[in-house]
């Protein structure tokens, strides 16, 4: 047996606790240094996640920000295989074939409105971001945007008339569809005067305007419409705003040009990157200052305790004991400092969120810090506390006990 005491956790913690209590005022100063470092960093990080994160989330929830509008498609035609392949792309959130733009412009009549309202008729299906979670319409049902419903003075269940007109063989022909309002989109999900309908309804309208005979629109026409093998247009939405640019480039590589909100998205994401860079620099400078301050406190504390470390060494406590003791001390101080910083951050976040409450929707916050941010800050506090303690403990373990006690 070497005669050295084994490094037992219980003994180490008891010794560290007594030492910490004896030096409680110095430990409190070190904890305050850490709190003064962490609290403003957590608040700034929470602001970045809250303000910029909320802005990005709002853009992600806005279908218009994620929409890719096809330019003039020219000779491009899109068949079922193309849509099936595009749906499997990880960047795609929703895609659906639709009719020509001219064929989608219709007027709606309501007995409760003074005049007809021109709307853009759009094909829809389950998963359409414009539906905002509502069930897609079927048959001759329409889901109106808030603006269209307001102008028509319509609500769910309101009966509307959709008149049609065409020129065929030198004659003007008219028809009318009786449609029903299946629902009204919330204002936040609305996009001008538009109506969402089942794809079959749009295709029937387009076929009738092209001169074909369509069931429910009279017997006149040049015969039943041929089976639709290809589509001239589509509606496409990226899964998130971060995918818009890459999705547009992927379509461009296939010869399909689109219009996007890429410039607005890039401005928002660029602001986030720049802000994170600035926060990183501020954090580096602040943490460096904290390391220097804590190192100075550690060195001063260990110099005062050289005699105590010499006694520990003489009584058989090895290098592991002498290094672990200040480290345990530092971890305890770091945890207290992090807890104090968390309290200061919570008060600051409450004040800022209360001030901006009128500008925030339900579930949004100007300052928001998740558990990962708290854990990262606490870990940083432990690291910057333990590093000087490791160096000091190593120096203390090299003390010549006899010489130190002789000098005392």
Protein backbone atom coordinates (compact mmCIF):
# COMPACT_ATOMS: atom_id res chain seq x y z
CA UNK A 1 0.00 0.00 0.00
CA UNK A 2 1.27 3.48 -0.80
CA UNK A 3 -0.34 5.10 2.23
CA UNK A 4 -2.03 7.74 0.11
CA UNK A 5 -5.76 8.33 0.72
CA UNK A 6 -7.98 7.11 -2.09
CA UNK A 7 -9.76 9.82 -4.06
CA UNK A 8 -13.26 9.26 -2.74
CA UNK A 9 -16.03 11.48 -4.03
CA UNK A 10 -17.78 11.88 -0.67
CA UNK A 11 -14.62 13.01 1.11
CA UNK A 12 -13.72 15.32 -1.76
CA UNK A 13 -17.16 16.96 -1.77
CA UNK A 14 -17.13 17.46 2.02
CA UNK A 15 -13.70 19.05 1.92
CA UNK A 16 -14.69 21.24 -1.04
CA UNK A 17 -17.89 22.32 0.73
CA UNK A 18 -16.04 23.36 3.90
CA UNK A 19 -13.47 25.21 1.86
CA UNK A 20 -16.21 26.90 -0.17
CA UNK A 21 -18.06 27.99 2.96
CA UNK A 22 -14.88 29.31 4.52
CA UNK A 23 -14.22 31.36 1.36
CA UNK A 24 -17.89 32.18 0.72
CA UNK A 25 -17.39 35.88 0.04
CA UNK A 26 -14.65 35.24 -2.49
CA UNK A 27 -16.80 32.51 -4.05
CA UNK A 28 -19.73 34.94 -4.22
CA UNK A 29 -17.52 37.42 -6.09
CA UNK A 30 -16.54 34.74 -8.61
CA UNK A 31 -20.21 33.74 -9.05
CA UNK A 32 -21.12 37.39 -9.67
CA UNK A 33 -18.39 37.63 -12.33
CA UNK A 34 -19.93 34.65 -14.11
CA UNK A 35 -23.46 36.02 -13.74
CA UNK A 36 -22.39 39.39 -15.13
CA UNK A 37 -20.92 37.53 -18.10
CA UNK A 38 -23.75 35.08 -18.80
CA UNK A 39 -26.84 37.21 -18.17
CA UNK A 40 -26.26 39.77 -20.98
CA UNK A 41 -25.08 37.02 -23.36
CA UNK A 42 -28.21 34.97 -22.69
CA UNK A 43 -30.36 38.06 -23.17
CA UNK A 44 -28.70 38.95 -26.49
CA UNK A 45 -28.92 35.34 -27.68
CA UNK A 46 -32.56 35.24 -26.62
CA UNK A 47 -33.22 38.43 -28.59
CA UNK A 48 -31.63 36.92 -31.69
CA UNK A 49 -33.68 33.76 -31.37
CA UNK A 50 -36.81 35.69 -30.47
CA UNK A 51 -36.84 38.61 -32.91
CA UNK A 52 -35.09 37.05 -35.89
CA UNK A 53 -36.45 33.59 -35.16
CA UNK A 54 -40.00 34.98 -35.03
CA UNK A 55 -39.47 36.82 -38.31
CA UNK A 56 -38.24 33.62 -39.98
CA UNK A 57 -41.11 31.61 -38.52
CA UNK A 58 -43.60 34.17 -39.83
CA UNK A 59 -42.08 33.96 -43.29
CA UNK A 60 -42.14 30.17 -43.10
CA UNK A 61 -45.84 30.28 -42.22
CA UNK A 62 -46.57 32.70 -45.06
CA UNK A 63 -47.28 30.63 -48.21
CA UNK A 64 -46.42 33.60 -50.44
CA UNK A 65 -42.83 33.60 -49.16
CA UNK A 66 -42.43 29.92 -50.05
CA UNK A 67 -44.22 30.04 -53.39
CA UNK A 68 -42.42 29.55 -56.69
CA UNK A 69 -44.51 31.06 -59.46
CA UNK A 70 -43.73 29.61 -62.91
CA UNK A 71 -42.74 32.15 -65.53
CA UNK A 72 -44.09 31.82 -69.07
CA UNK A 73 -43.59 28.09 -69.54
CA UNK A 74 -43.43 28.24 -73.32
CA UNK A 75 -43.26 24.75 -74.74
CA UNK A 76 -42.99 23.17 -71.28
CA UNK A 77 -45.74 20.72 -70.42
CA UNK A 78 -45.91 18.81 -67.18
CA UNK A 79 -47.27 15.29 -67.05
CA UNK A 80 -48.23 13.08 -64.11
CA UNK A 81 -44.75 11.55 -63.96
CA UNK A 82 -43.18 15.03 -63.62
CA UNK A 83 -45.48 15.93 -60.71
CA UNK A 84 -44.87 12.60 -59.00
CA UNK A 85 -41.11 13.07 -59.30
CA UNK A 86 -41.17 16.67 -58.04
CA UNK A 87 -43.32 15.72 -55.03
CA UNK A 88 -40.53 13.43 -53.88
CA UNK A 89 -37.95 16.24 -53.82
CA UNK A 90 -37.08 17.04 -50.19
CA UNK A 91 -37.29 20.79 -50.87
CA UNK A 92 -40.92 20.61 -52.03
CA UNK A 93 -43.73 21.23 -49.56
CA UNK A 94 -46.66 21.15 -51.99
CA UNK A 95 -47.19 21.00 -55.75
CA UNK A 96 -50.35 20.67 -57.83
CA UNK A 97 -51.14 20.98 -61.55
CA UNK A 98 -53.38 23.83 -62.62
CA UNK A 99 -54.93 25.38 -65.71
CA UNK A 100 -53.85 28.33 -67.83
CA UNK A 101 -53.93 31.70 -66.09
CA UNK A 102 -56.55 33.09 -68.48
CA UNK A 103 -58.83 30.11 -67.87
CA UNK A 104 -58.61 30.62 -64.09
CA UNK A 105 -60.04 34.17 -64.14
CA UNK A 106 -63.77 34.04 -63.36
CA UNK A 107 -66.50 36.18 -61.89
CA UNK A 108 -68.73 35.25 -58.99
CA UNK A 109 -72.22 36.56 -58.33
CA UNK A 110 -73.85 36.71 -54.94
CA UNK A 111 -77.39 37.86 -54.13
CA UNK A 112 -75.95 39.66 -51.12
CA UNK A 113 -73.44 41.68 -53.20
CA UNK A 114 -74.15 44.68 -55.40
CA UNK A 115 -71.81 43.63 -58.21
CA UNK A 116 -69.93 40.58 -59.46
CA UNK A 117 -66.46 39.99 -58.07
CA UNK A 118 -63.57 38.86 -60.26
CA UNK A 119 -61.49 36.15 -58.59
CA UNK A 120 -58.52 33.99 -59.43
CA UNK A 121 -59.65 30.36 -59.33
CA UNK A 122 -56.92 28.06 -58.03
CA UNK A 123 -56.72 24.29 -57.87
CA UNK A 124 -56.19 22.89 -54.41
CA UNK A 125 -55.82 19.60 -52.55
CA UNK A 126 -54.95 18.30 -49.11
CA UNK A 127 -51.73 19.83 -47.82
CA UNK A 128 -52.15 23.12 -49.69
CA UNK A 129 -50.53 25.87 -47.59
CA UNK A 130 -53.25 28.31 -48.69
CA UNK A 131 -55.89 26.17 -46.96
CA UNK A 132 -54.26 26.92 -43.59
CA UNK A 133 -55.20 23.45 -42.34
CA UNK A 134 -58.80 23.53 -43.63
CA UNK A 135 -60.27 20.61 -45.56
CA UNK A 136 -60.01 20.98 -49.36
CA UNK A 137 -63.28 21.68 -51.21
CA UNK A 138 -64.91 19.00 -53.32
CA UNK A 139 -67.36 19.03 -56.23
CA UNK A 140 -68.58 22.59 -56.79
CA UNK A 141 -67.49 23.89 -53.43
CA UNK A 142 -65.18 26.92 -53.15
CA UNK A 143 -62.96 28.15 -50.35
CA UNK A 144 -62.78 31.94 -50.58
CA UNK A 145 -60.05 34.25 -49.37
CA UNK A 146 -61.13 36.76 -46.74
CA UNK A 147 -61.11 39.64 -49.24
CA UNK A 148 -63.22 37.76 -51.78
CA UNK A 149 -65.71 36.72 -49.08
CA UNK A 150 -65.97 40.31 -47.85
CA UNK A 151 -66.71 41.69 -51.31
CA UNK A 152 -69.29 38.95 -51.97
CA UNK A 153 -70.74 39.29 -48.48
CA UNK A 154 -70.47 35.52 -48.32
CA UNK A 155 -69.78 32.94 -45.67
CA UNK A 156 -69.68 29.15 -45.47
CA UNK A 157 -72.81 27.76 -47.07
CA UNK A 158 -73.56 30.81 -49.27
CA UNK A 159 -74.76 29.93 -52.77
CA UNK A 160 -72.94 31.72 -55.62
CA UNK A 161 -73.21 31.75 -59.40
CA UNK A 162 -70.21 31.40 -61.70
CA UNK A 163 -71.12 32.63 -65.23
CA UNK A 164 -69.10 31.51 -68.27
CA UNK A 165 -68.87 32.84 -71.81
CA UNK A 166 -67.08 31.59 -74.93
CA UNK A 167 -66.88 32.09 -78.69
CA UNK A 168 -67.39 28.92 -80.74
CA UNK A 169 -67.86 28.71 -84.50
CA UNK A 170 -68.65 32.42 -84.70
CA UNK A 171 -71.32 32.26 -82.00
CA UNK A 172 -71.32 33.52 -78.43
CA UNK A 173 -72.33 30.88 -75.89
CA UNK A 174 -73.00 31.26 -72.20
CA UNK A 175 -73.39 28.91 -69.27
CA UNK A 176 -73.56 29.17 -65.50
CA UNK A 177 -72.37 27.04 -62.61
CA UNK A 178 -74.07 27.02 -59.25
CA UNK A 179 -71.29 26.85 -56.64
CA UNK A 180 -71.28 26.92 -52.86
CA UNK A 181 -68.90 28.52 -50.40
CA UNK A 182 -67.30 25.63 -48.52
CA UNK A 183 -65.22 27.88 -46.28
CA UNK A 184 -63.47 31.21 -45.83
CA UNK A 185 -59.73 31.47 -45.21
CA UNK A 186 -58.48 33.51 -42.25
CA UNK A 187 -57.14 36.94 -43.11
CA UNK A 188 -53.54 35.91 -42.32
CA UNK A 189 -53.74 33.09 -44.90
CA UNK A 190 -55.53 35.13 -47.58
CA UNK A 191 -54.04 36.35 -50.81
CA UNK A 192 -56.14 39.00 -52.52
CA UNK A 193 -59.38 37.96 -54.24
CA UNK A 194 -59.06 34.26 -54.92
CA UNK A 195 -61.06 31.05 -54.62
CA UNK A 196 -59.74 27.54 -54.11
CA UNK A 197 -61.50 24.70 -55.92
CA UNK A 198 -61.08 21.02 -56.73
CA UNK A 199 -58.85 20.48 -59.79
CA UNK A 200 -61.71 18.79 -61.66
CA UNK A 201 -63.79 21.97 -61.49
CA UNK A 202 -61.02 24.10 -63.00
CA UNK A 203 -60.40 21.54 -65.74
CA UNK A 204 -64.11 21.46 -66.56
CA UNK A 205 -64.21 25.27 -66.88
CA UNK A 206 -61.09 25.31 -69.06
CA UNK A 207 -62.44 22.51 -71.30
CA UNK A 208 -65.78 24.32 -71.76
CA UNK A 209 -64.00 27.57 -72.68
CA UNK A 210 -61.91 25.61 -75.18
CA UNK A 211 -65.13 24.62 -76.95
CA UNK A 212 -65.77 21.14 -75.61
CA UNK A 213 -69.03 19.78 -74.23
CA UNK A 214 -68.89 19.48 -70.45
CA UNK A 215 -71.44 17.74 -68.28
CA UNK A 216 -73.46 20.25 -66.30
CA UNK A 217 -72.71 23.11 -68.69
CA UNK A 218 -75.18 22.36 -71.45
CA UNK A 219 -75.16 20.12 -74.50
CA UNK A 220 -73.36 22.52 -76.86
CA UNK A 221 -69.75 21.75 -77.72
CA UNK A 222 -67.46 19.99 -80.13
CA UNK A 223 -67.54 16.74 -78.23
CA UNK A 224 -66.23 15.56 -74.88
CA UNK A 225 -62.81 16.88 -73.83
CA UNK A 226 -59.88 14.56 -74.52
CA UNK A 227 -58.13 12.92 -71.57
CA UNK A 228 -55.74 15.37 -69.99
CA UNK A 229 -52.21 13.95 -70.23
CA UNK A 230 -50.21 17.12 -69.56
CA UNK A 231 -50.72 20.38 -67.72
CA UNK A 232 -49.52 23.84 -68.77
CA UNK A 233 -48.97 25.28 -65.27
CA UNK A 234 -48.50 24.36 -61.65
CA UNK A 235 -48.58 25.78 -58.13
CA UNK A 236 -45.47 24.98 -56.10
CA UNK A 237 -44.36 25.77 -52.54
CA UNK A 238 -41.02 25.01 -50.91
CA UNK A 239 -40.99 23.18 -47.58
CA UNK A 240 -39.36 26.23 -45.94
CA UNK A 241 -37.98 29.60 -46.97
CA UNK A 242 -34.46 28.17 -46.70
CA UNK A 243 -35.24 25.78 -49.56
CA UNK A 244 -36.65 28.36 -51.99
CA UNK A 245 -33.36 29.32 -53.64
CA UNK A 246 -32.12 25.76 -54.10
CA UNK A 247 -35.52 24.62 -55.39
CA UNK A 248 -35.63 27.47 -57.92
CA UNK A 249 -32.13 26.52 -59.10
CA UNK A 250 -33.16 22.86 -59.43
CA UNK A 251 -36.16 23.80 -61.56
CA UNK A 252 -34.02 26.17 -63.63
CA UNK A 253 -31.65 23.30 -64.39
CA UNK A 254 -34.65 21.51 -65.93
CA UNK A 255 -35.55 24.52 -68.05
CA UNK A 256 -38.38 25.78 -65.80
CA UNK A 257 -38.02 29.44 -64.75
CA UNK A 258 -39.82 30.69 -61.66
CA UNK A 259 -40.37 33.92 -59.76
CA UNK A 260 -39.68 33.83 -56.01
CA UNK A 261 -39.25 36.08 -52.98
CA UNK A 262 -35.61 35.02 -52.78
CA UNK A 263 -34.35 38.58 -52.28
CA UNK A 264 -36.55 39.17 -49.22
CA UNK A 265 -35.68 35.76 -47.83
CA UNK A 266 -31.95 36.34 -48.36
CA UNK A 267 -32.19 39.67 -46.52
CA UNK A 268 -33.76 37.99 -43.48
CA UNK A 269 -31.38 35.04 -43.40
CA UNK A 270 -28.42 37.36 -44.01
CA UNK A 271 -29.50 39.49 -41.03
CA UNK A 272 -29.56 36.36 -38.89
CA UNK A 273 -26.07 35.31 -40.02
CA UNK A 274 -24.62 38.77 -39.45
CA UNK A 275 -26.22 39.08 -36.04
CA UNK A 276 -24.90 35.68 -35.00
CA UNK A 277 -21.41 36.71 -36.12
CA UNK A 278 -21.59 39.86 -34.00
CA UNK A 279 -22.92 37.89 -31.04
CA UNK A 280 -20.10 35.38 -31.47
CA UNK A 281 -17.51 38.17 -31.33
CA UNK A 282 -19.17 39.75 -28.29
CA UNK A 283 -19.32 36.36 -26.57
CA UNK A 284 -15.66 35.66 -27.31
CA UNK A 285 -14.56 39.02 -25.89
CA UNK A 286 -16.81 38.73 -22.84
CA UNK A 287 -15.81 35.17 -22.05
CA UNK A 288 -12.14 36.05 -22.46
CA UNK A 289 -12.56 38.80 -19.88
CA UNK A 290 -14.32 36.39 -17.53
CA UNK A 291 -11.51 33.83 -17.91
CA UNK A 292 -8.91 36.47 -17.05
CA UNK A 293 -10.88 37.66 -14.01
CA UNK A 294 -11.49 34.13 -12.74
CA UNK A 295 -7.87 33.15 -13.36
CA UNK A 296 -6.74 36.11 -11.26
CA UNK A 297 -9.10 35.09 -8.44
CA UNK A 298 -7.95 31.46 -8.65
CA UNK A 299 -4.27 32.35 -8.61
CA UNK A 300 -4.72 34.69 -5.65
CA UNK A 301 -6.76 32.06 -3.78
CA UNK A 302 -4.25 29.27 -4.40
CA UNK A 303 -1.30 31.44 -3.38
CA UNK A 304 -3.00 32.07 -0.03
CA UNK A 305 -3.61 28.34 0.41
CA UNK A 306 -0.14 27.07 -0.38
CA UNK A 307 0.31 25.98 3.25
CA UNK A 308 -2.98 24.05 3.24
CA UNK A 309 -2.01 22.28 0.02
CA UNK A 310 1.40 21.48 1.51
CA UNK A 311 -0.31 19.88 4.52
CA UNK A 312 -2.56 17.86 2.24
CA UNK A 313 0.46 16.66 0.35
CA UNK A 314 2.30 15.72 3.55
CA UNK A 315 -0.69 13.72 4.77
CA UNK A 316 -0.53 11.56 1.66
CA UNK A 317 -3.04 13.27 -0.64
CA UNK A 318 -1.78 12.79 -4.14
CA UNK A 319 -1.84 14.91 -7.29
CA UNK A 320 -5.40 13.87 -8.14
CA UNK A 321 -6.67 15.26 -4.81
CA UNK A 322 -4.79 18.52 -5.18
CA UNK A 323 -6.05 19.06 -8.75
CA UNK A 324 -9.63 17.90 -8.12
CA UNK A 325 -10.23 20.07 -5.04
CA UNK A 326 -10.09 23.50 -6.77
CA UNK A 327 -11.95 22.04 -9.77
CA UNK A 328 -14.89 20.91 -7.61
CA UNK A 329 -14.82 24.32 -5.95
CA UNK A 330 -14.96 26.00 -9.36
CA UNK A 331 -17.79 23.82 -10.67
CA UNK A 332 -19.91 24.74 -7.63
CA UNK A 333 -19.18 28.44 -8.17
CA UNK A 334 -19.99 28.12 -11.88
CA UNK A 335 -23.36 26.50 -11.17
CA UNK A 336 -24.28 29.18 -8.66
CA UNK A 337 -23.19 31.88 -11.13
CA UNK A 338 -25.25 30.27 -13.91
CA UNK A 339 -28.30 30.07 -11.65
CA UNK A 340 -27.92 33.73 -10.72
CA UNK A 341 -27.48 34.68 -14.40
CA UNK A 342 -30.59 32.69 -15.31
CA UNK A 343 -32.60 34.67 -12.78
CA UNK A 344 -31.34 37.98 -14.19
CA UNK A 345 -32.07 36.79 -17.73
CA UNK A 346 -35.60 35.72 -16.76
CA UNK A 347 -36.35 39.18 -15.37
CA UNK A 348 -34.89 40.89 -18.46
CA UNK A 349 -36.83 38.58 -20.82
CA UNK A 350 -40.07 39.21 -18.92
CA UNK A 351 -39.60 42.97 -19.15
CA UNK A 352 -38.75 42.93 -22.88
CA UNK A 353 -41.54 40.50 -23.82
CA UNK A 354 -44.04 42.57 -21.83
CA UNK A 355 -42.91 45.74 -23.61
CA UNK A 356 -43.33 44.16 -27.07
CA UNK A 357 -46.44 42.12 -26.24
CA UNK A 358 -48.70 44.30 -28.42
CA UNK A 359 -46.59 43.49 -31.50
CA UNK A 360 -46.43 39.72 -30.95
CA UNK A 361 -48.89 36.99 -31.86
CA UNK A 362 -49.89 34.16 -29.55
CA UNK A 363 -46.91 31.88 -28.97
CA UNK A 364 -44.35 34.46 -30.13
CA UNK A 365 -41.71 36.13 -27.97
CA UNK A 366 -39.20 38.93 -28.48
CA UNK A 367 -36.74 37.12 -26.21
CA UNK A 368 -36.69 33.35 -26.32
CA UNK A 369 -34.00 31.03 -25.02
CA UNK A 370 -34.46 27.29 -25.17
CA UNK A 371 -33.03 24.61 -22.97
CA UNK A 372 -30.12 24.10 -25.36
CA UNK A 373 -29.07 27.75 -24.93
CA UNK A 374 -29.23 27.48 -21.13
CA UNK A 375 -27.24 24.23 -21.18
CA UNK A 376 -24.61 25.72 -23.51
CA UNK A 377 -24.22 28.80 -21.31
CA UNK A 378 -23.95 26.71 -18.15
CA UNK A 379 -21.37 24.45 -19.78
CA UNK A 380 -19.38 27.51 -20.88
CA UNK A 381 -19.47 28.82 -17.29
CA UNK A 382 -18.17 25.50 -15.98
CA UNK A 383 -15.39 25.36 -18.57
CA UNK A 384 -14.13 28.91 -18.03
CA UNK A 385 -14.18 28.28 -14.28
CA UNK A 386 -12.47 24.89 -14.36
CA UNK A 387 -9.67 25.81 -16.78
CA UNK A 388 -7.95 28.24 -14.37
CA UNK A 389 -8.64 25.80 -11.52
CA UNK A 390 -6.91 22.99 -13.42
CA UNK A 391 -3.84 25.15 -13.97
CA UNK A 392 -3.83 26.31 -10.35
CA UNK A 393 -4.38 22.81 -9.00
CA UNK A 394 -1.52 21.49 -11.11
CA UNK A 395 0.78 24.18 -9.76
CA UNK A 396 -0.38 23.41 -6.21
CA UNK A 397 0.35 19.71 -6.71
CA UNK A 398 3.97 20.59 -7.50
CA UNK A 399 4.48 22.46 -4.22
CA UNK A 400 7.43 21.20 -2.17
CA UNK A 401 5.67 20.64 1.14
CA UNK A 402 8.75 20.76 3.38
CA UNK A 403 10.03 23.99 1.84
CA UNK A 404 6.60 25.61 2.00
CA UNK A 405 6.08 24.75 5.67
CA UNK A 406 9.64 25.85 6.52
CA UNK A 407 8.98 29.23 4.93
CA UNK A 408 5.71 29.56 6.86
